[in-house]
PDB file of N, CA and C in Angstrom:
ATOM      1  N   MET A   1       0.832  -1.175   0.000  1.00  0.00           N
ATOM      2  CA  MET A   1       0.000   0.000   0.000  1.00  0.00           C
ATOM      3  C   MET A   1       0.884   1.249   0.000  1.00  0.00           C
ATOM      4  N   LEU A   2       0.482   2.219  -0.779  1.00  0.00           N
ATOM      5  CA  LEU A   2       1.198   3.494  -0.818  1.00  0.00           C
ATOM      6  C   LEU A   2       0.604   4.451   0.210  1.00  0.00           C
ATOM      7  N   ILE A   3       1.477   5.069   0.990  1.00  0.00           N
ATOM      8  CA  ILE A   3       1.058   6.022   2.016  1.00  0.00           C
ATOM      9  C   ILE A   3       1.865   7.303   1.847  1.00  0.00           C
ATOM     10  N   ALA A   4       1.167   8.438   1.831  1.00  0.00           N
ATOM     11  CA  ALA A   4       1.801   9.749   1.708  1.00  0.00           C
ATOM     12  C   ALA A   4       2.055  10.316   3.105  1.00  0.00           C
ATOM     13  N   VAL A   5       3.231  10.901   3.307  1.00  0.00           N
ATOM     14  CA  VAL A   5       3.623  11.407   4.625  1.00  0.00           C
ATOM     15  C   VAL A   5       4.048  12.866   4.522  1.00  0.00           C
ATOM     16  N   ALA A   6       3.504  13.690   5.420  1.00  0.00           N
ATOM     17  CA  ALA A   6       3.934  15.082   5.544  1.00  0.00           C
ATOM     18  C   ALA A   6       5.090  15.119   6.536  1.00  0.00           C
ATOM     19  N   THR A   7       6.252  15.555   6.048  1.00  0.00           N
ATOM     20  CA  THR A   7       7.454  15.558   6.886  1.00  0.00           C
ATOM     21  C   THR A   7       8.327  16.757   6.535  1.00  0.00           C
ATOM     22  N   LYS A   8       8.979  17.310   7.539  1.00  0.00           N
ATOM     23  CA  LYS A   8       9.908  18.407   7.304  1.00  0.00           C
ATOM     24  C   LYS A   8      11.300  17.889   6.958  1.00  0.00           C
ATOM     25  N   ASP A   9      11.659  16.732   7.509  1.00  0.00           N
ATOM     26  CA  ASP A   9      13.042  16.274   7.407  1.00  0.00           C
ATOM     27  C   ASP A   9      13.222  14.903   6.758  1.00  0.00           C
ATOM     28  N   GLY A  10      12.139  14.241   6.388  1.00  0.00           N
ATOM     29  CA  GLY A  10      12.242  12.940   5.758  1.00  0.00           C
ATOM     30  C   GLY A  10      12.457  11.789   6.716  1.00  0.00           C
ATOM     31  N   LYS A  11      12.545  12.074   8.007  1.00  0.00           N
ATOM     32  CA  LYS A  11      12.765  11.034   9.011  1.00  0.00           C
ATOM     33  C   LYS A  11      11.594  10.881   9.959  1.00  0.00           C
ATOM     34  N   LEU A  12      10.958  12.025  10.274  1.00  0.00           N
ATOM     35  CA  LEU A  12       9.862  12.041  11.247  1.00  0.00           C
ATOM     36  C   LEU A  12       8.570  12.528  10.616  1.00  0.00           C
ATOM     37  N   ILE A  13       7.466  12.036  11.139  1.00  0.00           N
ATOM     38  CA  ILE A  13       6.162  12.609  10.806  1.00  0.00           C
ATOM     39  C   ILE A  13       6.051  13.822  11.715  1.00  0.00           C
ATOM     40  N   ASN A  14       6.252  15.000  11.134  1.00  0.00           N
ATOM     41  CA  ASN A  14       6.365  16.200  11.972  1.00  0.00           C
ATOM     42  C   ASN A  14       5.879  17.459  11.267  1.00  0.00           C
ATOM     43  N   GLN A  15       4.984  17.290  10.300  1.00  0.00           N
ATOM     44  CA  GLN A  15       4.491  18.462   9.595  1.00  0.00           C
ATOM     45  C   GLN A  15       2.971  18.443   9.501  1.00  0.00           C
ATOM     46  N   HIS A  16       2.398  19.614   9.653  1.00  0.00           N
ATOM     47  CA  HIS A  16       0.959  19.820   9.508  1.00  0.00           C
ATOM     48  C   HIS A  16       0.596  19.646   8.030  1.00  0.00           C
ATOM     49  N   PHE A  17      -0.499  18.976   7.769  1.00  0.00           N
ATOM     50  CA  PHE A  17      -0.959  18.760   6.397  1.00  0.00           C
ATOM     51  C   PHE A  17      -0.987  20.060   5.601  1.00  0.00           C
ATOM     52  N   GLY A  18      -1.560  21.103   6.180  1.00  0.00           N
ATOM     53  CA  GLY A  18      -1.729  22.365   5.472  1.00  0.00           C
ATOM     54  C   GLY A  18      -0.448  23.131   5.204  1.00  0.00           C
ATOM     55  N   HIS A  19       0.627  22.771   5.884  1.00  0.00           N
ATOM     56  CA  HIS A  19       1.909  23.444   5.688  1.00  0.00           C
ATOM     57  C   HIS A  19       2.822  22.699   4.724  1.00  0.00           C
ATOM     58  N   ALA A  20       2.436  21.490   4.367  1.00  0.00           N
ATOM     59  CA  ALA A  20       3.289  20.652   3.514  1.00  0.00           C
ATOM     60  C   ALA A  20       3.360  21.177   2.090  1.00  0.00           C
ATOM     61  N   GLU A  21       4.586  21.256   1.591  1.00  0.00           N
ATOM     62  CA  GLU A  21       4.812  21.607   0.187  1.00  0.00           C
ATOM     63  C   GLU A  21       5.310  20.394  -0.584  1.00  0.00           C
ATOM     64  N   ARG A  22       5.415  19.272   0.145  1.00  0.00           N
ATOM     65  CA  ARG A  22       5.781  17.997  -0.469  1.00  0.00           C
ATOM     66  C   ARG A  22       5.296  16.875   0.442  1.00  0.00           C
ATOM     67  N   PHE A  23       5.047  15.753  -0.166  1.00  0.00           N
ATOM     68  CA  PHE A  23       4.713  14.536   0.565  1.00  0.00           C
ATOM     69  C   PHE A  23       5.665  13.450   0.092  1.00  0.00           C
ATOM     70  N   LEU A  24       6.202  12.696   1.035  1.00  0.00           N
ATOM     71  CA  LEU A  24       7.004  11.534   0.681  1.00  0.00           C
ATOM     72  C   LEU A  24       6.055  10.348   0.565  1.00  0.00           C
ATOM     73  N   ILE A  25       6.262   9.547  -0.463  1.00  0.00           N
ATOM     74  CA  ILE A  25       5.397   8.397  -0.716  1.00  0.00           C
ATOM     75  C   ILE A  25       6.166   7.135  -0.346  1.00  0.00           C
ATOM     76  N   PHE A  26       5.573   6.351   0.542  1.00  0.00           N
ATOM     77  CA  PHE A  26       6.173   5.100   0.985  1.00  0.00           C
ATOM     78  C   PHE A  26       5.306   3.933   0.553  1.00  0.00           C
ATOM     79  N   ASP A  27       5.963   2.876   0.121  1.00  0.00           N
ATOM     80  CA  ASP A  27       5.293   1.614  -0.154  1.00  0.00           C
ATOM     81  C   ASP A  27       5.459   0.772   1.105  1.00  0.00           C
ATOM     82  N   VAL A  28       4.334   0.434   1.733  1.00  0.00           N
ATOM     83  CA  VAL A  28       4.370  -0.317   2.981  1.00  0.00           C
ATOM     84  C   VAL A  28       3.818  -1.714   2.693  1.00  0.00           C
ATOM     85  N   GLU A  29       4.692  -2.697   2.879  1.00  0.00           N
ATOM     86  CA  GLU A  29       4.314  -4.070   2.559  1.00  0.00           C
ATOM     87  C   GLU A  29       5.206  -5.036   3.329  1.00  0.00           C
ATOM     88  N   GLY A  30       4.620  -6.109   3.808  1.00  0.00           N
ATOM     89  CA  GLY A  30       5.388  -7.161   4.462  1.00  0.00           C
ATOM     90  C   GLY A  30       6.200  -6.711   5.662  1.00  0.00           C
ATOM     91  N   GLY A  31       5.669  -5.772   6.429  1.00  0.00           N
ATOM     92  CA  GLY A  31       6.375  -5.323   7.626  1.00  0.00           C
ATOM     93  C   GLY A  31       7.510  -4.352   7.378  1.00  0.00           C
ATOM     94  N   ALA A  32       7.559  -3.779   6.170  1.00  0.00           N
ATOM     95  CA  ALA A  32       8.611  -2.811   5.839  1.00  0.00           C
ATOM     96  C   ALA A  32       8.004  -1.609   5.116  1.00  0.00           C
ATOM     97  N   ALA A  33       8.644  -0.467   5.270  1.00  0.00           N
ATOM     98  CA  ALA A  33       8.241   0.758   4.578  1.00  0.00           C
ATOM     99  C   ALA A  33       9.423   1.240   3.748  1.00  0.00           C
ATOM    100  N   ARG A  34       9.158   1.466   2.465  1.00  0.00           N
ATOM    101  CA  ARG A  34      10.235   1.857   1.546  1.00  0.00           C
ATOM    102  C   ARG A  34       9.833   3.135   0.821  1.00  0.00           C
ATOM    103  N   LEU A  35      10.705   4.150   0.860  1.00  0.00           N
ATOM    104  CA  LEU A  35      10.466   5.402   0.154  1.00  0.00           C
ATOM    105  C   LEU A  35      10.504   5.141  -1.348  1.00  0.00           C
ATOM    106  N   VAL A  36       9.441   5.558  -2.064  1.00  0.00           N
ATOM    107  CA  VAL A  36       9.388   5.307  -3.503  1.00  0.00           C
ATOM    108  C   VAL A  36       9.212   6.570  -4.337  1.00  0.00           C
ATOM    109  N   ASP A  37       8.795   7.684  -3.707  1.00  0.00           N
ATOM    110  CA  ASP A  37       8.543   8.883  -4.502  1.00  0.00           C
ATOM    111  C   ASP A  37       8.417  10.101  -3.587  1.00  0.00           C
ATOM    112  N   GLU A  38       8.450  11.253  -4.214  1.00  0.00           N
ATOM    113  CA  GLU A  38       8.203  12.523  -3.535  1.00  0.00           C
ATOM    114  C   GLU A  38       7.305  13.340  -4.447  1.00  0.00           C
ATOM    115  N   LYS A  39       6.226  13.877  -3.882  1.00  0.00           N
ATOM    116  CA  LYS A  39       5.289  14.685  -4.656  1.00  0.00           C
ATOM    117  C   LYS A  39       5.270  16.103  -4.103  1.00  0.00           C
ATOM    118  N   LYS A  40       5.594  17.056  -4.951  1.00  0.00           N
ATOM    119  CA  LYS A  40       5.535  18.463  -4.560  1.00  0.00           C
ATOM    120  C   LYS A  40       4.110  18.956  -4.788  1.00  0.00           C
ATOM    121  N   VAL A  41       3.615  19.754  -3.841  1.00  0.00           N
ATOM    122  CA  VAL A  41       2.250  20.270  -3.898  1.00  0.00           C
ATOM    123  C   VAL A  41       2.238  21.738  -3.487  1.00  0.00           C
ATOM    124  N   ASP A  42       1.154  22.420  -3.828  1.00  0.00           N
ATOM    125  CA  ASP A  42       0.948  23.771  -3.312  1.00  0.00           C
ATOM    126  C   ASP A  42       0.538  23.669  -1.853  1.00  0.00           C
ATOM    127  N   LYS A  43       1.071  24.547  -1.030  1.00  0.00           N
ATOM    128  CA  LYS A  43       0.718  24.564   0.382  1.00  0.00           C
ATOM    129  C   LYS A  43      -0.756  24.930   0.522  1.00  0.00           C
ATOM    130  N   TYR A  44      -1.475  24.151   1.325  1.00  0.00           N
ATOM    131  CA  TYR A  44      -2.912  24.368   1.494  1.00  0.00           C
ATOM    132  C   TYR A  44      -3.220  25.600   2.337  1.00  0.00           C
ATOM    133  N   CYS A  45      -2.545  25.772   3.459  1.00  0.00           N
ATOM    134  CA  CYS A  45      -2.853  26.875   4.383  1.00  0.00           C
ATOM    135  C   CYS A  45      -2.334  28.207   3.846  1.00  0.00           C
ATOM    136  N   THR A  46      -3.240  29.179   3.815  1.00  0.00           N
ATOM    137  CA  THR A  46      -2.846  30.532   3.420  1.00  0.00           C
ATOM    138  C   THR A  46      -3.220  31.553   4.481  1.00  0.00           C
ATOM    139  N   TYR A  47      -3.916  31.108   5.511  1.00  0.00           N
ATOM    140  CA  TYR A  47      -4.374  31.991   6.581  1.00  0.00           C
ATOM    141  C   TYR A  47      -5.274  33.104   6.044  1.00  0.00           C
ATOM    142  N   ASP A  48      -6.031  32.786   5.011  1.00  0.00           N
ATOM    143  CA  ASP A  48      -6.947  33.747   4.407  1.00  0.00           C
ATOM    144  C   ASP A  48      -8.364  33.470   4.916  1.00  0.00           C
ATOM    145  N   PRO A  49      -8.894  34.322   5.799  1.00  0.00           N
ATOM    146  CA  PRO A  49     -10.223  34.075   6.356  1.00  0.00           C
ATOM    147  C   PRO A  49     -11.336  34.143   5.312  1.00  0.00           C
ATOM    148  N   GLU A  50     -11.077  34.771   4.180  1.00  0.00           N
ATOM    149  CA  GLU A  50     -12.073  34.860   3.113  1.00  0.00           C
ATOM    150  C   GLU A  50     -12.200  33.546   2.330  1.00  0.00           C
ATOM    151  N   HIS A  51     -11.178  32.690   2.433  1.00  0.00           N
ATOM    152  CA  HIS A  51     -11.189  31.418   1.709  1.00  0.00           C
ATOM    153  C   HIS A  51     -10.783  30.282   2.644  1.00  0.00           C
ATOM    154  N   PRO A  52     -11.661  29.961   3.603  1.00  0.00           N
ATOM    155  CA  PRO A  52     -11.275  28.964   4.597  1.00  0.00           C
ATOM    156  C   PRO A  52     -11.094  27.552   4.025  1.00  0.00           C
ATOM    157  N   LEU A  53     -11.866  27.175   3.022  1.00  0.00           N
ATOM    158  CA  LEU A  53     -11.697  25.862   2.411  1.00  0.00           C
ATOM    159  C   LEU A  53     -11.306  26.071   0.955  1.00  0.00           C
ATOM    160  N   ARG A  54     -10.076  25.797   0.651  1.00  0.00           N
ATOM    161  CA  ARG A  54      -9.559  25.982  -0.705  1.00  0.00           C
ATOM    162  C   ARG A  54      -9.654  24.653  -1.438  1.00  0.00           C
ATOM    163  N   ARG A  55     -10.870  24.315  -1.834  1.00  0.00           N
ATOM    164  CA  ARG A  55     -11.137  23.008  -2.429  1.00  0.00           C
ATOM    165  C   ARG A  55     -10.275  22.755  -3.663  1.00  0.00           C
ATOM    166  N   GLU A  56     -10.024  23.782  -4.464  1.00  0.00           N
ATOM    167  CA  GLU A  56      -9.226  23.584  -5.683  1.00  0.00           C
ATOM    168  C   GLU A  56      -7.805  23.142  -5.343  1.00  0.00           C
ATOM    169  N   VAL A  57      -7.247  23.648  -4.240  1.00  0.00           N
ATOM    170  CA  VAL A  57      -5.910  23.224  -3.817  1.00  0.00           C
ATOM    171  C   VAL A  57      -5.964  21.780  -3.319  1.00  0.00           C
ATOM    172  N   LEU A  58      -7.003  21.444  -2.566  1.00  0.00           N
ATOM    173  CA  LEU A  58      -7.150  20.069  -2.089  1.00  0.00           C
ATOM    174  C   LEU A  58      -7.316  19.093  -3.262  1.00  0.00           C
ATOM    175  N   MET A  59      -8.010  19.527  -4.291  1.00  0.00           N
ATOM    176  CA  MET A  59      -8.159  18.675  -5.480  1.00  0.00           C
ATOM    177  C   MET A  59      -6.806  18.418  -6.135  1.00  0.00           C
ATOM    178  N   LYS A  60      -5.960  19.452  -6.194  1.00  0.00           N
ATOM    179  CA  LYS A  60      -4.619  19.285  -6.772  1.00  0.00           C
ATOM    180  C   LYS A  60      -3.754  18.365  -5.916  1.00  0.00           C
ATOM    181  N   ILE A  61      -3.866  18.500  -4.591  1.00  0.00           N
ATOM    182  CA  ILE A  61      -3.117  17.616  -3.700  1.00  0.00           C
ATOM    183  C   ILE A  61      -3.597  16.184  -3.886  1.00  0.00           C
ATOM    184  N   ALA A  62      -4.908  15.992  -3.945  1.00  0.00           N
ATOM    185  CA  ALA A  62      -5.463  14.656  -4.144  1.00  0.00           C
ATOM    186  C   ALA A  62      -4.971  14.056  -5.458  1.00  0.00           C
ATOM    187  N   SER A  63      -4.916  14.866  -6.485  1.00  0.00           N
ATOM    188  CA  SER A  63      -4.433  14.392  -7.784  1.00  0.00           C
ATOM    189  C   SER A  63      -2.960  13.987  -7.705  1.00  0.00           C
ATOM    190  N   ALA A  64      -2.151  14.796  -7.015  1.00  0.00           N
ATOM    191  CA  ALA A  64      -0.723  14.493  -6.872  1.00  0.00           C
ATOM    192  C   ALA A  64      -0.502  13.200  -6.096  1.00  0.00           C
ATOM    193  N   LEU A  65      -1.398  12.924  -5.150  1.00  0.00           N
ATOM    194  CA  LEU A  65      -1.253  11.743  -4.292  1.00  0.00           C
ATOM    195  C   LEU A  65      -2.071  10.559  -4.789  1.00  0.00           C
ATOM    196  N   ASP A  66      -2.545  10.652  -6.008  1.00  0.00           N
ATOM    197  CA  ASP A  66      -3.338   9.568  -6.594  1.00  0.00           C
ATOM    198  C   ASP A  66      -2.576   8.252  -6.496  1.00  0.00           C
ATOM    199  N   GLY A  67      -3.260   7.228  -6.073  1.00  0.00           N
ATOM    200  CA  GLY A  67      -2.642   5.917  -5.906  1.00  0.00           C
ATOM    201  C   GLY A  67      -2.314   5.605  -4.458  1.00  0.00           C
ATOM    202  N   CYS A  68      -2.257   6.638  -3.629  1.00  0.00           N
ATOM    203  CA  CYS A  68      -2.009   6.432  -2.196  1.00  0.00           C
ATOM    204  C   CYS A  68      -3.332   6.081  -1.512  1.00  0.00           C
ATOM    205  N   GLY A  69      -3.261   5.167  -0.575  1.00  0.00           N
ATOM    206  CA  GLY A  69      -4.459   4.800   0.167  1.00  0.00           C
ATOM    207  C   GLY A  69      -4.660   5.633   1.408  1.00  0.00           C
ATOM    208  N   ALA A  70      -3.571   6.242   1.894  1.00  0.00           N
ATOM    209  CA  ALA A  70      -3.649   6.997   3.143  1.00  0.00           C
ATOM    210  C   ALA A  70      -2.690   8.177   3.116  1.00  0.00           C
ATOM    211  N   ILE A  71      -3.005   9.145   3.968  1.00  0.00           N
ATOM    212  CA  ILE A  71      -2.158  10.313   4.182  1.00  0.00           C
ATOM    213  C   ILE A  71      -1.916  10.409   5.680  1.00  0.00           C
ATOM    214  N   VAL A  72      -0.655  10.628   6.057  1.00  0.00           N
ATOM    215  CA  VAL A  72      -0.288  10.745   7.464  1.00  0.00           C
ATOM    216  C   VAL A  72       0.394  12.090   7.669  1.00  0.00           C
ATOM    217  N   SER A  73      -0.059  12.824   8.675  1.00  0.00           N
ATOM    218  CA  SER A  73       0.559  14.109   9.013  1.00  0.00           C
ATOM    219  C   SER A  73       0.488  14.307  10.524  1.00  0.00           C
ATOM    220  N   ALA A  74       1.244  15.286  11.007  1.00  0.00           N
ATOM    221  CA  ALA A  74       1.259  15.578  12.437  1.00  0.00           C
ATOM    222  C   ALA A  74      -0.048  16.227  12.885  1.00  0.00           C
ATOM    223  N   LYS A  75      -0.698  16.950  11.975  1.00  0.00           N
ATOM    224  CA  LYS A  75      -1.982  17.599  12.257  1.00  0.00           C
ATOM    225  C   LYS A  75      -2.692  17.828  10.939  1.00  0.00           C
ATOM    226  N   ILE A  76      -4.013  17.947  11.022  1.00  0.00           N
ATOM    227  CA  ILE A  76      -4.818  18.324   9.862  1.00  0.00           C
ATOM    228  C   ILE A  76      -6.120  18.914  10.398  1.00  0.00           C
ATOM    229  N   GLY A  77      -6.580  19.976   9.767  1.00  0.00           N
ATOM    230  CA  GLY A  77      -7.841  20.582  10.171  1.00  0.00           C
ATOM    231  C   GLY A  77      -9.019  19.701   9.795  1.00  0.00           C
ATOM    232  N   GLU A  78     -10.127  19.922  10.480  1.00  0.00           N
ATOM    233  CA  GLU A  78     -11.315  19.099  10.268  1.00  0.00           C
ATOM    234  C   GLU A  78     -11.855  19.207   8.839  1.00  0.00           C
ATOM    235  N   ALA A  79     -11.952  20.419   8.299  1.00  0.00           N
ATOM    236  CA  ALA A  79     -12.503  20.598   6.952  1.00  0.00           C
ATOM    237  C   ALA A  79     -11.625  19.945   5.876  1.00  0.00           C
ATOM    238  N   PRO A  80     -10.311  20.185   5.860  1.00  0.00           N
ATOM    239  CA  PRO A  80      -9.506  19.510   4.846  1.00  0.00           C
ATOM    240  C   PRO A  80      -9.481  17.988   5.037  1.00  0.00           C
ATOM    241  N   GLN A  81      -9.549  17.530   6.283  1.00  0.00           N
ATOM    242  CA  GLN A  81      -9.581  16.086   6.510  1.00  0.00           C
ATOM    243  C   GLN A  81     -10.830  15.475   5.886  1.00  0.00           C
ATOM    244  N   GLN A  82     -11.961  16.093   6.125  1.00  0.00           N
ATOM    245  CA  GLN A  82     -13.217  15.578   5.563  1.00  0.00           C
ATOM    246  C   GLN A  82     -13.186  15.590   4.038  1.00  0.00           C
ATOM    247  N   GLU A  83     -12.633  16.642   3.481  1.00  0.00           N
ATOM    248  CA  GLU A  83     -12.567  16.748   2.020  1.00  0.00           C
ATOM    249  C   GLU A  83     -11.641  15.678   1.438  1.00  0.00           C
ATOM    250  N   MET A  84     -10.495  15.473   2.056  1.00  0.00           N
ATOM    251  CA  MET A  84      -9.564  14.450   1.557  1.00  0.00           C
ATOM    252  C   MET A  84     -10.164  13.052   1.725  1.00  0.00           C
ATOM    253  N   GLU A  85     -10.939  12.841   2.775  1.00  0.00           N
ATOM    254  CA  GLU A  85     -11.640  11.562   2.931  1.00  0.00           C
ATOM    255  C   GLU A  85     -12.671  11.384   1.821  1.00  0.00           C
ATOM    256  N   ARG A  86     -13.332  12.466   1.425  1.00  0.00           N
ATOM    257  CA  ARG A  86     -14.292  12.393   0.300  1.00  0.00           C
ATOM    258  C   ARG A  86     -13.589  12.002  -0.999  1.00  0.00           C
ATOM    259  N   PHE A  87     -12.331  12.396  -1.115  1.00  0.00           N
ATOM    260  CA  PHE A  87     -11.545  12.024  -2.297  1.00  0.00           C
ATOM    261  C   PHE A  87     -11.049  10.582  -2.215  1.00  0.00           C
ATOM    262  N   GLY A  88     -11.299   9.898  -1.085  1.00  0.00           N
ATOM    263  CA  GLY A  88     -10.976   8.485  -0.977  1.00  0.00           C
ATOM    264  C   GLY A  88      -9.747   8.125  -0.166  1.00  0.00           C
ATOM    265  N   PHE A  89      -9.155   9.095   0.510  1.00  0.00           N
ATOM    266  CA  PHE A  89      -7.966   8.825   1.320  1.00  0.00           C
ATOM    267  C   PHE A  89      -8.356   8.522   2.764  1.00  0.00           C
ATOM    268  N   SER A  90      -7.662   7.591   3.384  1.00  0.00           N
ATOM    269  CA  SER A  90      -7.739   7.415   4.831  1.00  0.00           C
ATOM    270  C   SER A  90      -6.756   8.417   5.418  1.00  0.00           C
ATOM    271  N   ILE A  91      -7.187   9.134   6.455  1.00  0.00           N
ATOM    272  CA  ILE A  91      -6.361  10.183   7.044  1.00  0.00           C
ATOM    273  C   ILE A  91      -5.962   9.771   8.455  1.00  0.00           C
ATOM    274  N   PHE A  92      -4.669   9.908   8.749  1.00  0.00           N
ATOM    275  CA  PHE A  92      -4.158   9.584  10.071  1.00  0.00           C
ATOM    276  C   PHE A  92      -3.306  10.727  10.591  1.00  0.00           C
ATOM    277  N   VAL A  93      -3.461  11.017  11.874  1.00  0.00           N
ATOM    278  CA  VAL A  93      -2.617  11.984  12.557  1.00  0.00           C
ATOM    279  C   VAL A  93      -1.683  11.179  13.448  1.00  0.00           C
ATOM    280  N   ALA A  94      -0.399  11.402  13.275  1.00  0.00           N
ATOM    281  CA  ALA A  94       0.608  10.666  14.045  1.00  0.00           C
ATOM    282  C   ALA A  94       1.875  11.503  14.113  1.00  0.00           C
ATOM    283  N   GLU A  95       2.735  11.135  15.029  1.00  0.00           N
ATOM    284  CA  GLU A  95       4.055  11.742  15.119  1.00  0.00           C
ATOM    285  C   GLU A  95       5.060  10.648  15.414  1.00  0.00           C
ATOM    286  N   GLY A  96       6.301  10.881  15.063  1.00  0.00           N
ATOM    287  CA  GLY A  96       7.343   9.911  15.340  1.00  0.00           C
ATOM    288  C   GLY A  96       8.086   9.518  14.083  1.00  0.00           C
ATOM    289  N   GLU A  97       8.913   8.481  14.206  1.00  0.00           N
ATOM    290  CA  GLU A  97       9.690   8.002  13.070  1.00  0.00           C
ATOM    291  C   GLU A  97       8.757   7.468  11.992  1.00  0.00           C
ATOM    292  N   ILE A  98       9.057   7.802  10.761  1.00  0.00           N
ATOM    293  CA  ILE A  98       8.161   7.463   9.661  1.00  0.00           C
ATOM    294  C   ILE A  98       8.002   5.959   9.482  1.00  0.00           C
ATOM    295  N   LYS A  99       9.084   5.249   9.246  1.00  0.00           N
ATOM    296  CA  LYS A  99       8.984   3.843   8.854  1.00  0.00           C
ATOM    297  C   LYS A  99       8.286   2.965   9.890  1.00  0.00           C
ATOM    298  N   PRO A 100       8.683   2.989  11.166  1.00  0.00           N
ATOM    299  CA  PRO A 100       7.968   2.131  12.119  1.00  0.00           C
ATOM    300  C   PRO A 100       6.504   2.529  12.300  1.00  0.00           C
ATOM    301  N   THR A 101       6.220   3.823  12.210  1.00  0.00           N
ATOM    302  CA  THR A 101       4.840   4.278  12.351  1.00  0.00           C
ATOM    303  C   THR A 101       3.988   3.766  11.193  1.00  0.00           C
ATOM    304  N   LEU A 102       4.521   3.840   9.987  1.00  0.00           N
ATOM    305  CA  LEU A 102       3.774   3.360   8.825  1.00  0.00           C
ATOM    306  C   LEU A 102       3.552   1.854   8.865  1.00  0.00           C
ATOM    307  N   VAL A 103       4.534   1.116   9.328  1.00  0.00           N
ATOM    308  CA  VAL A 103       4.374  -0.341   9.446  1.00  0.00           C
ATOM    309  C   VAL A 103       3.236  -0.659  10.415  1.00  0.00           C
ATOM    310  N   GLU A 104       3.150   0.072  11.512  1.00  0.00           N
ATOM    311  CA  GLU A 104       2.060  -0.148  12.470  1.00  0.00           C
ATOM    312  C   GLU A 104       0.716   0.262  11.876  1.00  0.00           C
ATOM    313  N   LEU A 105       0.680   1.395  11.189  1.00  0.00           N
ATOM    314  CA  LEU A 105      -0.565   1.851  10.560  1.00  0.00           C
ATOM    315  C   LEU A 105      -1.065   0.852   9.517  1.00  0.00           C
ATOM    316  N   ALA A 106      -0.158   0.269   8.772  1.00  0.00           N
ATOM    317  CA  ALA A 106      -0.551  -0.676   7.718  1.00  0.00           C
ATOM    318  C   ALA A 106      -1.279  -1.880   8.300  1.00  0.00           C
ATOM    319  N   LYS A 107      -1.058  -2.186   9.561  1.00  0.00           N
ATOM    320  CA  LYS A 107      -1.731  -3.315  10.187  1.00  0.00           C
ATOM    321  C   LYS A 107      -3.228  -3.080  10.358  1.00  0.00           C
ATOM    322  N   VAL A 108      -3.643  -1.800  10.403  1.00  0.00           N
ATOM    323  CA  VAL A 108      -5.070  -1.489  10.565  1.00  0.00           C
ATOM    324  C   VAL A 108      -5.741  -1.078   9.256  1.00  0.00           C
ATOM    325  N   LEU A 109      -4.970  -1.004   8.205  1.00  0.00           N
ATOM    326  CA  LEU A 109      -5.549  -0.610   6.915  1.00  0.00           C
ATOM    327  C   LEU A 109      -5.976  -1.816   6.095  1.00  0.00           C
TER     328      LEU A 109
END
């Protein structure tokens, strides 16, 4: 299964979904997680009260992450989480080392 991770440093799950300008894509299978790709995206959060839900940006992120079954980030707002779930992604909030966390998450997916 492919899982997208929001990370600042490539080692830890430590970035808010809305602040991510890239997602690392891991293939999680057989008790191991292997980095297979990196997808650059437009940052979702703009702190613009006039446009609280930027659906067009979420659509672009969803398109970039096509093929992933889940997205993992340190935080995500309720509205973008619901929208990404509508696009078919399982959303998880977690922190810690990427690979062991993804292996554990894959057990419930």
